Amino acid sequence: MSFWRVLLSIICPPLAVIDKGCGSILIVFLLWLCGWVPGVIAALVILNNPKR
């Protein structure tokens, strides 16, 4: 996880997970609409997953 990905996930979480697939983008976008913090947490969890 690079510094720029972490920074992008803090600023705009859906853009940080754009290469992880449509489902990830949709989940992060919906959580981001519910609130900024859930979207950031979901993006960081998806980016930190070693299996993807």
C-alpha atoms as a PDB file:
ATOM      1  CA  MET A   1       0.000   0.000   0.000  1.00  0.00           C
ATOM      2  CA  SER A   2       1.677   3.155  -1.173  1.00  0.00           C
ATOM      3  CA  PHE A   3       1.521   6.573   0.390  1.00  0.00           C
ATOM      4  CA  TRP A   4      -0.470   7.922  -2.564  1.00  0.00           C
ATOM      5  CA  ARG A   5      -3.105   5.189  -2.281  1.00  0.00           C
ATOM      6  CA  VAL A   6      -3.574   5.938   1.418  1.00  0.00           C
ATOM      7  CA  LEU A   7      -3.836   9.658   0.698  1.00  0.00           C
ATOM      8  CA  LEU A   8      -6.329   9.025  -2.101  1.00  0.00           C
ATOM      9  CA  SER A   9      -8.389   6.743   0.145  1.00  0.00           C
ATOM     10  CA  ILE A  10      -8.618   9.540   2.703  1.00  0.00           C
ATOM     11  CA  ILE A  11      -9.604  12.173   0.133  1.00  0.00           C
ATOM     12  CA  CYS A  12     -11.889  10.098  -2.115  1.00  0.00           C
ATOM     13  CA  PRO A  13     -12.187   6.423  -1.142  1.00  0.00           C
ATOM     14  CA  PRO A  14     -13.923   5.107  -4.312  1.00  0.00           C
ATOM     15  CA  LEU A  15     -11.042   6.317  -6.474  1.00  0.00           C
ATOM     16  CA  ALA A  16      -8.513   4.500  -4.305  1.00  0.00           C
ATOM     17  CA  VAL A  17     -10.108   1.082  -4.960  1.00  0.00           C
ATOM     18  CA  ILE A  18     -10.869   1.607  -8.646  1.00  0.00           C
ATOM     19  CA  ASP A  19      -8.580  -1.235  -9.757  1.00  0.00           C
ATOM     20  CA  LYS A  20      -9.994  -3.735  -7.220  1.00  0.00           C
ATOM     21  CA  GLY A  21     -13.206  -4.467  -9.123  1.00  0.00           C
ATOM     22  CA  CYS A  22     -16.726  -3.200  -9.521  1.00  0.00           C
ATOM     23  CA  GLY A  23     -18.022  -4.739  -6.286  1.00  0.00           C
ATOM     24  CA  SER A  24     -15.368  -3.054  -4.188  1.00  0.00           C
ATOM     25  CA  ILE A  25     -16.024   0.309  -5.800  1.00  0.00           C
ATOM     26  CA  LEU A  26     -19.756  -0.042  -5.217  1.00  0.00           C
ATOM     27  CA  ILE A  27     -19.376  -1.047  -1.563  1.00  0.00           C
ATOM     28  CA  VAL A  28     -16.933   1.753  -0.818  1.00  0.00           C
ATOM     29  CA  PHE A  29     -19.076   4.290  -2.682  1.00  0.00           C
ATOM     30  CA  LEU A  30     -22.222   3.345  -0.762  1.00  0.00           C
ATOM     31  CA  LEU A  31     -20.383   3.479   2.556  1.00  0.00           C
ATOM     32  CA  TRP A  32     -18.854   6.801   1.535  1.00  0.00           C
ATOM     33  CA  LEU A  33     -22.341   8.174   0.875  1.00  0.00           C
ATOM     34  CA  CYS A  34     -23.409   7.068   4.367  1.00  0.00           C
ATOM     35  CA  GLY A  35     -20.480   8.863   5.888  1.00  0.00           C
ATOM     36  CA  TRP A  36     -16.902   9.778   5.203  1.00  0.00           C
ATOM     37  CA  VAL A  37     -15.374   7.607   7.945  1.00  0.00           C
ATOM     38  CA  PRO A  38     -17.013   4.278   6.920  1.00  0.00           C
ATOM     39  CA  GLY A  39     -15.894   4.835   3.325  1.00  0.00           C
ATOM     40  CA  VAL A  40     -12.315   5.532   4.352  1.00  0.00           C
ATOM     41  CA  ILE A  41     -12.210   2.506   6.648  1.00  0.00           C
ATOM     42  CA  ALA A  42     -13.619   0.213   3.933  1.00  0.00           C
ATOM     43  CA  ALA A  43     -11.131   1.518   1.365  1.00  0.00           C
ATOM     44  CA  LEU A  44      -8.198   0.993   3.712  1.00  0.00           C
ATOM     45  CA  VAL A  45      -9.360  -2.534   4.555  1.00  0.00           C
ATOM     46  CA  ILE A  46      -9.724  -3.422   0.876  1.00  0.00           C
ATOM     47  CA  LEU A  47      -6.327  -1.938   0.027  1.00  0.00           C
ATOM     48  CA  ASN A  48      -4.658  -3.729   2.942  1.00  0.00           C
ATOM     49  CA  ASN A  49      -6.057  -7.163   1.992  1.00  0.00           C
ATOM     50  CA  PRO A  50      -3.031  -9.259   0.912  1.00  0.00           C
ATOM     51  CA  LYS A  51      -5.092 -11.797  -1.080  1.00  0.00           C
ATOM     52  CA  ARG A  52      -6.271  -9.257  -3.657  1.00  0.00           C
END
